[in-house]
Amino acid sequence: MIFPFSLLFGCGGPVKKIEPAPAAVIPAAGEYVEGAELLCLAQTEEEAKKIAELYGIELVEFSYGVATFHTTENPGDVIKRGLEKGYPELSINGYSELY
């Protein structure tokens, strides 16, 4: 009996070296500041603009239900102010490393 997966053995040809992905392109100065970008889910761009007005921050981009905002204030203070006033919740745009 021949199993379907047995046909895959030995069918690789020469091994190709995989190059690492290029480093992320960092936007030009003034377009992005690490930790000063905030995110929020919104149904429409109009809703995102209203959220920006509530917080007094700038709407940078709206795409696929995610609004990106920029603030010159301490992002933690902006988030805290929104929680105290019951505004839609924001989060800091960034990444974390496990190691």
C-alpha atoms as a PDB file:
ATOM      1  CA  MET A   1       0.000   0.000   0.000  1.00  0.00           C
ATOM      2  CA  ILE A   2       1.365   3.450  -0.936  1.00  0.00           C
ATOM      3  CA  PHE A   3       0.471   6.320   1.340  1.00  0.00           C
ATOM      4  CA  PRO A   4      -0.141   9.717  -0.339  1.00  0.00           C
ATOM      5  CA  PHE A   5       2.411  11.466   1.860  1.00  0.00           C
ATOM      6  CA  SER A   6       5.125   9.019   0.829  1.00  0.00           C
ATOM      7  CA  LEU A   7       5.253  10.677  -2.571  1.00  0.00           C
ATOM      8  CA  LEU A   8       6.753  13.784  -1.023  1.00  0.00           C
ATOM      9  CA  PHE A   9       9.957  12.139   0.190  1.00  0.00           C
ATOM     10  CA  GLY A  10      12.985  12.946  -1.932  1.00  0.00           C
ATOM     11  CA  CYS A  11      11.191  15.488  -4.120  1.00  0.00           C
ATOM     12  CA  GLY A  12      12.922  18.631  -2.990  1.00  0.00           C
ATOM     13  CA  GLY A  13      15.589  19.217  -5.577  1.00  0.00           C
ATOM     14  CA  PRO A  14      18.549  21.394  -4.621  1.00  0.00           C
ATOM     15  CA  VAL A  15      18.297  23.168  -1.293  1.00  0.00           C
ATOM     16  CA  LYS A  16      17.872  26.923  -1.621  1.00  0.00           C
ATOM     17  CA  LYS A  17      19.352  29.234   0.950  1.00  0.00           C
ATOM     18  CA  ILE A  18      16.671  31.427   2.491  1.00  0.00           C
ATOM     19  CA  GLU A  19      17.720  35.029   2.926  1.00  0.00           C
ATOM     20  CA  PRO A  20      16.471  36.850   6.007  1.00  0.00           C
ATOM     21  CA  ALA A  21      13.765  39.440   5.461  1.00  0.00           C
ATOM     22  CA  PRO A  22      15.049  42.984   5.108  1.00  0.00           C
ATOM     23  CA  ALA A  23      14.855  45.158   8.198  1.00  0.00           C
ATOM     24  CA  ALA A  24      11.709  47.189   8.582  1.00  0.00           C
ATOM     25  CA  VAL A  25      11.845  50.560   6.934  1.00  0.00           C
ATOM     26  CA  ILE A  26      11.719  53.306   9.526  1.00  0.00           C
ATOM     27  CA  PRO A  27       9.485  56.200   8.479  1.00  0.00           C
ATOM     28  CA  ALA A  28      11.038  59.631   7.997  1.00  0.00           C
ATOM     29  CA  ALA A  29      11.484  61.913  10.976  1.00  0.00           C
ATOM     30  CA  GLY A  30       8.231  63.466  12.122  1.00  0.00           C
ATOM     31  CA  GLU A  31       6.048  60.681  10.722  1.00  0.00           C
ATOM     32  CA  TYR A  32       6.394  58.252  13.612  1.00  0.00           C
ATOM     33  CA  VAL A  33       7.694  58.505  17.126  1.00  0.00           C
ATOM     34  CA  GLU A  34       8.158  55.293  19.101  1.00  0.00           C
ATOM     35  CA  GLY A  35       5.600  55.192  21.880  1.00  0.00           C
ATOM     36  CA  ALA A  36       3.773  58.369  20.836  1.00  0.00           C
ATOM     37  CA  GLU A  37       1.465  56.545  18.428  1.00  0.00           C
ATOM     38  CA  LEU A  38      -1.823  55.298  19.856  1.00  0.00           C
ATOM     39  CA  LEU A  39      -4.284  52.760  18.437  1.00  0.00           C
ATOM     40  CA  CYS A  40      -8.029  52.311  18.767  1.00  0.00           C
ATOM     41  CA  LEU A  41     -10.634  50.165  17.057  1.00  0.00           C
ATOM     42  CA  ALA A  42     -13.308  52.134  15.202  1.00  0.00           C
ATOM     43  CA  GLN A  43     -16.098  51.187  12.813  1.00  0.00           C
ATOM     44  CA  THR A  44     -15.598  54.161  10.465  1.00  0.00           C
ATOM     45  CA  GLU A  45     -13.130  56.945   9.778  1.00  0.00           C
ATOM     46  CA  GLU A  46     -15.724  59.438  11.038  1.00  0.00           C
ATOM     47  CA  GLU A  47     -15.840  57.601  14.380  1.00  0.00           C
ATOM     48  CA  ALA A  48     -12.032  57.697  14.501  1.00  0.00           C
ATOM     49  CA  LYS A  49     -12.104  61.478  13.908  1.00  0.00           C
ATOM     50  CA  LYS A  50     -14.574  61.894  16.795  1.00  0.00           C
ATOM     51  CA  ILE A  51     -12.287  59.866  19.064  1.00  0.00           C
ATOM     52  CA  ALA A  52      -9.370  62.108  18.082  1.00  0.00           C
ATOM     53  CA  GLU A  53     -11.450  65.182  18.967  1.00  0.00           C
ATOM     54  CA  LEU A  54     -12.423  63.701  22.348  1.00  0.00           C
ATOM     55  CA  TYR A  55      -8.793  63.096  23.278  1.00  0.00           C
ATOM     56  CA  GLY A  56      -7.366  66.188  21.577  1.00  0.00           C
ATOM     57  CA  ILE A  57      -4.972  64.076  19.504  1.00  0.00           C
ATOM     58  CA  GLU A  58      -4.263  63.806  15.776  1.00  0.00           C
ATOM     59  CA  LEU A  59      -5.719  61.043  13.603  1.00  0.00           C
ATOM     60  CA  VAL A  60      -2.825  59.805  11.469  1.00  0.00           C
ATOM     61  CA  GLU A  61      -4.415  56.881   9.643  1.00  0.00           C
ATOM     62  CA  PHE A  62      -7.560  54.768   9.528  1.00  0.00           C
ATOM     63  CA  SER A  63      -7.413  51.362   7.887  1.00  0.00           C
ATOM     64  CA  TYR A  64      -9.412  48.136   8.281  1.00  0.00           C
ATOM     65  CA  GLY A  65     -11.109  49.299  11.474  1.00  0.00           C
ATOM     66  CA  VAL A  66      -7.909  50.416  13.203  1.00  0.00           C
ATOM     67  CA  ALA A  67      -7.291  54.098  13.870  1.00  0.00           C
ATOM     68  CA  THR A  68      -3.745  55.327  14.461  1.00  0.00           C
ATOM     69  CA  PHE A  69      -3.299  58.551  16.392  1.00  0.00           C
ATOM     70  CA  HIS A  70      -0.312  60.750  17.281  1.00  0.00           C
ATOM     71  CA  THR A  71       0.121  62.724  20.473  1.00  0.00           C
ATOM     72  CA  THR A  72       2.773  65.095  21.732  1.00  0.00           C
ATOM     73  CA  GLU A  73       1.662  64.399  25.319  1.00  0.00           C
ATOM     74  CA  ASN A  74       2.739  61.458  27.433  1.00  0.00           C
ATOM     75  CA  PRO A  75       0.720  58.562  25.895  1.00  0.00           C
ATOM     76  CA  GLY A  76       0.128  57.063  29.343  1.00  0.00           C
ATOM     77  CA  ASP A  77      -1.488  60.318  30.493  1.00  0.00           C
ATOM     78  CA  VAL A  78      -3.718  60.390  27.396  1.00  0.00           C
ATOM     79  CA  ILE A  79      -4.855  56.812  27.996  1.00  0.00           C
ATOM     80  CA  LYS A  80      -5.462  57.504  31.702  1.00  0.00           C
ATOM     81  CA  ARG A  81      -7.510  60.623  30.898  1.00  0.00           C
ATOM     82  CA  GLY A  82      -9.660  58.615  28.481  1.00  0.00           C
ATOM     83  CA  LEU A  83     -10.295  55.880  31.049  1.00  0.00           C
ATOM     84  CA  GLU A  84     -11.310  58.470  33.656  1.00  0.00           C
ATOM     85  CA  LYS A  85     -13.746  60.133  31.230  1.00  0.00           C
ATOM     86  CA  GLY A  86     -15.144  56.900  29.765  1.00  0.00           C
ATOM     87  CA  TYR A  87     -13.786  57.468  26.237  1.00  0.00           C
ATOM     88  CA  PRO A  88     -13.112  54.558  23.856  1.00  0.00           C
ATOM     89  CA  GLU A  89      -9.964  52.771  25.016  1.00  0.00           C
ATOM     90  CA  LEU A  90      -6.611  53.532  23.363  1.00  0.00           C
ATOM     91  CA  SER A  91      -3.456  51.456  23.393  1.00  0.00           C
ATOM     92  CA  ILE A  92       0.163  52.333  22.702  1.00  0.00           C
ATOM     93  CA  ASN A  93       1.449  51.290  19.294  1.00  0.00           C
ATOM     94  CA  GLY A  94       4.617  49.315  19.833  1.00  0.00           C
ATOM     95  CA  TYR A  95       5.995  45.835  20.171  1.00  0.00           C
ATOM     96  CA  SER A  96       7.350  43.675  22.920  1.00  0.00           C
ATOM     97  CA  GLU A  97      10.172  41.168  22.784  1.00  0.00           C
ATOM     98  CA  LEU A  98      10.066  37.927  24.711  1.00  0.00           C
ATOM     99  CA  TYR A  99      13.824  37.704  25.143  1.00  0.00           C
END
